[in-house]
């Protein structure tokens, strides 16, 4: 159990550098001055941020329903 957790944590830690590098590309596109391109980047970021919140919400709702069912 601990070995799997350690390996997962190590993998996430090692892959964050490539994720940070992509932020410079977004910054360069936005600083270019093209308003349509900047709006597209912002819409893409918003689109990508919605799904984790939906998944967490669905998980919490499922847990709530499960616990409510156990009480009855």
PDB file of N, CA and C in Angstrom:
ATOM      1  N   UNK A   1       0.829  -1.196   0.000  1.00  0.00           N
ATOM      2  CA  UNK A   1       0.000   0.000   0.000  1.00  0.00           C
ATOM      3  C   UNK A   1       0.868   1.251   0.000  1.00  0.00           C
ATOM      4  N   UNK A   2       1.828   1.284   0.921  1.00  0.00           N
ATOM      5  CA  UNK A   2       2.678   2.470   1.022  1.00  0.00           C
ATOM      6  C   UNK A   2       3.588   2.601  -0.194  1.00  0.00           C
ATOM      7  N   UNK A   3       3.990   1.465  -0.747  1.00  0.00           N
ATOM      8  CA  UNK A   3       4.860   1.490  -1.924  1.00  0.00           C
ATOM      9  C   UNK A   3       4.118   2.091  -3.117  1.00  0.00           C
ATOM     10  N   UNK A   4       2.853   1.717  -3.294  1.00  0.00           N
ATOM     11  CA  UNK A   4       2.059   2.270  -4.391  1.00  0.00           C
ATOM     12  C   UNK A   4       1.846   3.766  -4.203  1.00  0.00           C
ATOM     13  N   UNK A   5       1.564   4.174  -2.987  1.00  0.00           N
ATOM     14  CA  UNK A   5       1.372   5.595  -2.698  1.00  0.00           C
ATOM     15  C   UNK A   5       2.650   6.374  -2.957  1.00  0.00           C
ATOM     16  N   UNK A   6       3.774   5.818  -2.534  1.00  0.00           N
ATOM     17  CA  UNK A   6       5.062   6.477  -2.762  1.00  0.00           C
ATOM     18  C   UNK A   6       5.363   6.593  -4.253  1.00  0.00           C
ATOM     19  N   UNK A   7       5.102   5.532  -5.008  1.00  0.00           N
ATOM     20  CA  UNK A   7       5.349   5.570  -6.449  1.00  0.00           C
ATOM     21  C   UNK A   7       4.446   6.583  -7.143  1.00  0.00           C
ATOM     22  N   UNK A   8       3.194   6.645  -6.751  1.00  0.00           N
ATOM     23  CA  UNK A   8       2.273   7.615  -7.333  1.00  0.00           C
ATOM     24  C   UNK A   8       2.705   9.034  -7.005  1.00  0.00           C
ATOM     25  N   UNK A   9       3.066   9.283  -5.759  1.00  0.00           N
ATOM     26  CA  UNK A   9       3.525  10.612  -5.358  1.00  0.00           C
ATOM     27  C   UNK A   9       4.792  10.997  -6.112  1.00  0.00           C
ATOM     28  N   UNK A  10       5.713  10.053  -6.269  1.00  0.00           N
ATOM     29  CA  UNK A  10       6.958  10.324  -6.996  1.00  0.00           C
ATOM     30  C   UNK A  10       6.675  10.644  -8.454  1.00  0.00           C
ATOM     31  N   UNK A  11       5.763   9.905  -9.066  1.00  0.00           N
ATOM     32  CA  UNK A  11       5.408  10.155 -10.465  1.00  0.00           C
ATOM     33  C   UNK A  11       4.813  11.545 -10.638  1.00  0.00           C
ATOM     34  N   UNK A  12       3.914  11.918  -9.753  1.00  0.00           N
ATOM     35  CA  UNK A  12       3.292  13.242  -9.830  1.00  0.00           C
ATOM     36  C   UNK A  12       4.330  14.330  -9.618  1.00  0.00           C
ATOM     37  N   UNK A  13       5.207  14.124  -8.678  1.00  0.00           N
ATOM     38  CA  UNK A  13       6.250  15.107  -8.391  1.00  0.00           C
ATOM     39  C   UNK A  13       7.195  15.287  -9.573  1.00  0.00           C
ATOM     40  N   UNK A  14       7.523  14.211 -10.254  1.00  0.00           N
ATOM     41  CA  UNK A  14       8.451  14.286 -11.381  1.00  0.00           C
ATOM     42  C   UNK A  14       7.811  14.869 -12.639  1.00  0.00           C
ATOM     43  N   UNK A  15       6.506  14.786 -12.771  1.00  0.00           N
ATOM     44  CA  UNK A  15       5.852  15.293 -13.979  1.00  0.00           C
ATOM     45  C   UNK A  15       5.392  16.737 -13.850  1.00  0.00           C
ATOM     46  N   UNK A  16       5.532  17.361 -12.704  1.00  0.00           N
ATOM     47  CA  UNK A  16       5.059  18.737 -12.560  1.00  0.00           C
ATOM     48  C   UNK A  16       5.934  19.733 -13.295  1.00  0.00           C
ATOM     49  N   UNK A  17       7.205  19.425 -13.520  1.00  0.00           N
ATOM     50  CA  UNK A  17       8.069  20.352 -14.245  1.00  0.00           C
ATOM     51  C   UNK A  17       7.572  20.580 -15.663  1.00  0.00           C
ATOM     52  N   UNK A  18       7.104  19.542 -16.326  1.00  0.00           N
ATOM     53  CA  UNK A  18       6.595  19.720 -17.680  1.00  0.00           C
ATOM     54  C   UNK A  18       5.287  20.506 -17.662  1.00  0.00           C
ATOM     55  N   UNK A  19       4.500  20.372 -16.609  1.00  0.00           N
ATOM     56  CA  UNK A  19       3.264  21.141 -16.506  1.00  0.00           C
ATOM     57  C   UNK A  19       3.556  22.613 -16.276  1.00  0.00           C
ATOM     58  N   UNK A  20       4.563  22.917 -15.478  1.00  0.00           N
ATOM     59  CA  UNK A  20       4.939  24.307 -15.230  1.00  0.00           C
ATOM     60  C   UNK A  20       5.482  24.940 -16.500  1.00  0.00           C
ATOM     61  N   UNK A  21       6.177  24.172 -17.319  1.00  0.00           N
ATOM     62  CA  UNK A  21       6.749  24.697 -18.558  1.00  0.00           C
ATOM     63  C   UNK A  21       5.654  25.149 -19.515  1.00  0.00           C
ATOM     64  N   UNK A  22       4.510  24.528 -19.467  1.00  0.00           N
ATOM     65  CA  UNK A  22       3.437  24.892 -20.387  1.00  0.00           C
ATOM     66  C   UNK A  22       2.825  26.241 -20.031  1.00  0.00           C
ATOM     67  N   UNK A  23       2.937  26.658 -18.801  1.00  0.00           N
ATOM     68  CA  UNK A  23       2.396  27.955 -18.403  1.00  0.00           C
ATOM     69  C   UNK A  23       3.087  29.092 -19.147  1.00  0.00           C
ATOM     70  N   UNK A  24       4.362  28.939 -19.439  1.00  0.00           N
ATOM     71  CA  UNK A  24       5.083  29.970 -20.188  1.00  0.00           C
ATOM     72  C   UNK A  24       4.510  30.119 -21.590  1.00  0.00           C
ATOM     73  N   UNK A  25       4.076  29.022 -22.177  1.00  0.00           N
ATOM     74  CA  UNK A  25       3.484  29.083 -23.514  1.00  0.00           C
ATOM     75  C   UNK A  25       2.159  29.831 -23.471  1.00  0.00           C
ATOM     76  N   UNK A  26       1.348  29.568 -22.469  1.00  0.00           N
ATOM     77  CA  UNK A  26       0.076  30.284 -22.336  1.00  0.00           C
ATOM     78  C   UNK A  26       0.336  31.772 -22.139  1.00  0.00           C
ATOM     79  N   UNK A  27       1.311  32.093 -21.313  1.00  0.00           N
ATOM     80  CA  UNK A  27       1.644  33.488 -21.049  1.00  0.00           C
ATOM     81  C   UNK A  27       2.112  34.177 -22.322  1.00  0.00           C
ATOM     82  N   UNK A  28       2.919  33.502 -23.121  1.00  0.00           N
ATOM     83  CA  UNK A  28       3.415  34.091 -24.370  1.00  0.00           C
ATOM     84  C   UNK A  28       2.279  34.345 -25.347  1.00  0.00           C
ATOM     85  N   UNK A  29       1.318  33.437 -25.411  1.00  0.00           N
ATOM     86  CA  UNK A  29       0.182  33.608 -26.320  1.00  0.00           C
ATOM     87  C   UNK A  29      -0.665  34.790 -25.879  1.00  0.00           C
ATOM     88  N   UNK A  30      -0.908  34.911 -24.582  1.00  0.00           N
ATOM     89  CA  UNK A  30      -1.745  35.994 -24.074  1.00  0.00           C
ATOM     90  C   UNK A  30      -1.040  37.338 -24.221  1.00  0.00           C
ATOM     91  N   UNK A  31       0.275  37.378 -23.996  1.00  0.00           N
ATOM     92  CA  UNK A  31       1.017  38.630 -24.111  1.00  0.00           C
ATOM     93  C   UNK A  31       1.205  39.072 -25.554  1.00  0.00           C
ATOM     94  N   UNK A  32       0.904  38.209 -26.497  1.00  0.00           N
ATOM     95  CA  UNK A  32       1.053  38.527 -27.910  1.00  0.00           C
ATOM     96  C   UNK A  32       0.150  39.687 -28.314  1.00  0.00           C
ATOM     97  N   UNK A  33      -0.962  39.849 -27.645  1.00  0.00           N
ATOM     98  CA  UNK A  33      -1.853  40.966 -27.920  1.00  0.00           C
ATOM     99  C   UNK A  33      -3.071  40.583 -28.739  1.00  0.00           C
ATOM    100  N   UNK A  34      -3.162  39.344 -29.174  1.00  0.00           N
ATOM    101  CA  UNK A  34      -4.313  38.894 -29.949  1.00  0.00           C
ATOM    102  C   UNK A  34      -5.467  38.612 -28.986  1.00  0.00           C
ATOM    103  N   UNK A  35      -6.482  39.456 -29.033  1.00  0.00           N
ATOM    104  CA  UNK A  35      -7.597  39.358 -28.080  1.00  0.00           C
ATOM    105  C   UNK A  35      -8.375  38.061 -28.275  1.00  0.00           C
ATOM    106  N   UNK A  36      -8.602  37.671 -29.527  1.00  0.00           N
ATOM    107  CA  UNK A  36      -9.350  36.439 -29.777  1.00  0.00           C
ATOM    108  C   UNK A  36      -8.600  35.216 -29.247  1.00  0.00           C
ATOM    109  N   UNK A  37      -7.291  35.220 -29.424  1.00  0.00           N
ATOM    110  CA  UNK A  37      -6.487  34.100 -28.936  1.00  0.00           C
ATOM    111  C   UNK A  37      -6.507  34.059 -27.406  1.00  0.00           C
ATOM    112  N   UNK A  38      -6.399  35.206 -26.761  1.00  0.00           N
ATOM    113  CA  UNK A  38      -6.436  35.259 -25.294  1.00  0.00           C
ATOM    114  C   UNK A  38      -7.790  34.791 -24.779  1.00  0.00           C
ATOM    115  N   UNK A  39      -8.851  35.176 -25.465  1.00  0.00           N
ATOM    116  CA  UNK A  39     -10.189  34.737 -25.062  1.00  0.00           C
ATOM    117  C   UNK A  39     -10.325  33.230 -25.227  1.00  0.00           C
ATOM    118  N   UNK A  40      -9.743  32.692 -26.282  1.00  0.00           N
ATOM    119  CA  UNK A  40      -9.765  31.244 -26.487  1.00  0.00           C
ATOM    120  C   UNK A  40      -9.015  30.502 -25.399  1.00  0.00           C
ATOM    121  N   UNK A  41      -7.871  31.045 -24.992  1.00  0.00           N
ATOM    122  CA  UNK A  41      -7.102  30.421 -23.906  1.00  0.00           C
ATOM    123  C   UNK A  41      -7.910  30.454 -22.612  1.00  0.00           C
ATOM    124  N   UNK A  42      -8.532  31.575 -22.315  1.00  0.00           N
ATOM    125  CA  UNK A  42      -9.339  31.686 -21.092  1.00  0.00           C
ATOM    126  C   UNK A  42     -10.524  30.732 -21.122  1.00  0.00           C
ATOM    127  N   UNK A  43     -11.182  30.610 -22.270  1.00  0.00           N
ATOM    128  CA  UNK A  43     -12.301  29.676 -22.386  1.00  0.00           C
ATOM    129  C   UNK A  43     -11.829  28.236 -22.214  1.00  0.00           C
ATOM    130  N   UNK A  44     -10.670  27.919 -22.764  1.00  0.00           N
ATOM    131  CA  UNK A  44     -10.124  26.570 -22.619  1.00  0.00           C
ATOM    132  C   UNK A  44      -9.801  26.242 -21.177  1.00  0.00           C
ATOM    133  N   UNK A  45      -9.226  27.198 -20.465  1.00  0.00           N
ATOM    134  CA  UNK A  45      -8.902  26.987 -19.053  1.00  0.00           C
ATOM    135  C   UNK A  45     -10.181  26.781 -18.246  1.00  0.00           C
ATOM    136  N   UNK A  46     -11.186  27.591 -18.518  1.00  0.00           N
ATOM    137  CA  UNK A  46     -12.466  27.444 -17.819  1.00  0.00           C
ATOM    138  C   UNK A  46     -13.092  26.089 -18.114  1.00  0.00           C
ATOM    139  N   UNK A  47     -13.045  25.673 -19.369  1.00  0.00           N
ATOM    140  CA  UNK A  47     -13.598  24.383 -19.773  1.00  0.00           C
ATOM    141  C   UNK A  47     -12.889  23.243 -19.048  1.00  0.00           C
ATOM    142  N   UNK A  48     -11.575  23.326 -18.948  1.00  0.00           N
ATOM    143  CA  UNK A  48     -10.819  22.270 -18.283  1.00  0.00           C
ATOM    144  C   UNK A  48     -11.030  22.260 -16.772  1.00  0.00           C
ATOM    145  N   UNK A  49     -11.345  23.407 -16.181  1.00  0.00           N
ATOM    146  CA  UNK A  49     -11.539  23.483 -14.732  1.00  0.00           C
ATOM    147  C   UNK A  49     -12.909  22.974 -14.297  1.00  0.00           C
ATOM    148  N   UNK A  50     -13.873  22.942 -15.202  1.00  0.00           N
ATOM    149  CA  UNK A  50     -15.232  22.547 -14.837  1.00  0.00           C
ATOM    150  C   UNK A  50     -15.303  21.065 -14.474  1.00  0.00           C
ATOM    151  N   UNK A  51     -14.621  20.217 -15.217  1.00  0.00           N
ATOM    152  CA  UNK A  51     -14.788  18.781 -15.043  1.00  0.00           C
ATOM    153  C   UNK A  51     -14.296  18.241 -13.702  1.00  0.00           C
ATOM    154  N   UNK A  52     -13.177  18.693 -13.158  1.00  0.00           N
ATOM    155  CA  UNK A  52     -12.822  18.200 -11.819  1.00  0.00           C
ATOM    156  C   UNK A  52     -13.866  18.562 -10.764  1.00  0.00           C
ATOM    157  N   UNK A  53     -14.438  19.752 -10.866  1.00  0.00           N
ATOM    158  CA  UNK A  53     -15.472  20.139  -9.905  1.00  0.00           C
ATOM    159  C   UNK A  53     -16.726  19.286 -10.079  1.00  0.00           C
ATOM    160  N   UNK A  54     -17.083  18.977 -11.310  1.00  0.00           N
ATOM    161  CA  UNK A  54     -18.233  18.106 -11.540  1.00  0.00           C
ATOM    162  C   UNK A  54     -17.988  16.702 -10.991  1.00  0.00           C
ATOM    163  N   UNK A  55     -16.791  16.185 -11.182  1.00  0.00           N
ATOM    164  CA  UNK A  55     -16.473  14.850 -10.671  1.00  0.00           C
ATOM    165  C   UNK A  55     -16.502  14.808  -9.149  1.00  0.00           C
ATOM    166  N   UNK A  56     -15.943  15.815  -8.507  1.00  0.00           N
ATOM    167  CA  UNK A  56     -15.960  15.871  -7.037  1.00  0.00           C
ATOM    168  C   UNK A  56     -17.395  16.014  -6.542  1.00  0.00           C
ATOM    169  N   UNK A  57     -18.178  16.847  -7.204  1.00  0.00           N
ATOM    170  CA  UNK A  57     -19.579  17.013  -6.822  1.00  0.00           C
ATOM    171  C   UNK A  57     -20.360  15.719  -6.964  1.00  0.00           C
ATOM    172  N   UNK A  58     -20.139  14.999  -8.057  1.00  0.00           N
ATOM    173  CA  UNK A  58     -20.823  13.722  -8.262  1.00  0.00           C
ATOM    174  C   UNK A  58     -20.396  12.703  -7.211  1.00  0.00           C
ATOM    175  N   UNK A  59     -19.121  12.698  -6.867  1.00  0.00           N
ATOM    176  CA  UNK A  59     -18.631  11.782  -5.836  1.00  0.00           C
ATOM    177  C   UNK A  59     -19.255  12.094  -4.482  1.00  0.00           C
ATOM    178  N   UNK A  60     -19.292  13.366  -4.112  1.00  0.00           N
ATOM    179  CA  UNK A  60     -19.886  13.749  -2.827  1.00  0.00           C
ATOM    180  C   UNK A  60     -21.380  13.437  -2.791  1.00  0.00           C
ATOM    181  N   UNK A  61     -22.075  13.655  -3.904  1.00  0.00           N
ATOM    182  CA  UNK A  61     -23.499  13.343  -3.965  1.00  0.00           C
ATOM    183  C   UNK A  61     -23.727  11.837  -3.821  1.00  0.00           C
ATOM    184  N   UNK A  62     -22.873  11.036  -4.456  1.00  0.00           N
ATOM    185  CA  UNK A  62     -22.996   9.585  -4.356  1.00  0.00           C
ATOM    186  C   UNK A  62     -22.750   9.116  -2.922  1.00  0.00           C
ATOM    187  N   UNK A  63     -21.756   9.685  -2.271  1.00  0.00           N
ATOM    188  CA  UNK A  63     -21.483   9.338  -0.870  1.00  0.00           C
ATOM    189  C   UNK A  63     -22.656   9.741   0.010  1.00  0.00           C
ATOM    190  N   UNK A  64     -23.232  10.911  -0.237  1.00  0.00           N
ATOM    191  CA  UNK A  64     -24.389  11.378   0.533  1.00  0.00           C
ATOM    192  C   UNK A  64     -25.562  10.414   0.375  1.00  0.00           C
ATOM    193  N   UNK A  65     -25.845  10.009  -0.867  1.00  0.00           N
ATOM    194  CA  UNK A  65     -26.950   9.079  -1.109  1.00  0.00           C
ATOM    195  C   UNK A  65     -26.698   7.739  -0.432  1.00  0.00           C
ATOM    196  N   UNK A  66     -25.454   7.267  -0.487  1.00  0.00           N
ATOM    197  CA  UNK A  66     -25.104   5.986   0.120  1.00  0.00           C
ATOM    198  C   UNK A  66     -25.291   6.029   1.632  1.00  0.00           C
ATOM    199  N   UNK A  67     -24.830   7.091   2.262  1.00  0.00           N
ATOM    200  CA  UNK A  67     -24.966   7.215   3.723  1.00  0.00           C
ATOM    201  C   UNK A  67     -26.428   7.382   4.129  1.00  0.00           C
ATOM    202  N   UNK A  68     -27.190   8.096   3.316  1.00  0.00           N
ATOM    203  CA  UNK A  68     -28.615   8.274   3.602  1.00  0.00           C
ATOM    204  C   UNK A  68     -29.348   6.939   3.492  1.00  0.00           C
ATOM    205  N   UNK A  69     -28.944   6.131   2.521  1.00  0.00           N
ATOM    206  CA  UNK A  69     -29.558   4.824   2.334  1.00  0.00           C
ATOM    207  C   UNK A  69     -29.234   3.895   3.507  1.00  0.00           C
ATOM    208  N   UNK A  70     -28.030   4.009   4.069  1.00  0.00           N
ATOM    209  CA  UNK A  70     -27.652   3.175   5.207  1.00  0.00           C
ATOM    210  C   UNK A  70     -28.452   3.516   6.460  1.00  0.00           C
ATOM    211  N   UNK A  71     -28.819   4.786   6.621  1.00  0.00           N
ATOM    212  CA  UNK A  71     -29.583   5.201   7.802  1.00  0.00           C
ATOM    213  C   UNK A  71     -31.004   4.653   7.773  1.00  0.00           C
ATOM    214  N   UNK A  72     -31.554   4.496   6.581  1.00  0.00           N
ATOM    215  CA  UNK A  72     -32.947   4.015   6.464  1.00  0.00           C
ATOM    216  C   UNK A  72     -32.998   2.555   6.575  1.00  0.00           C
TER     217      UNK A  72
END
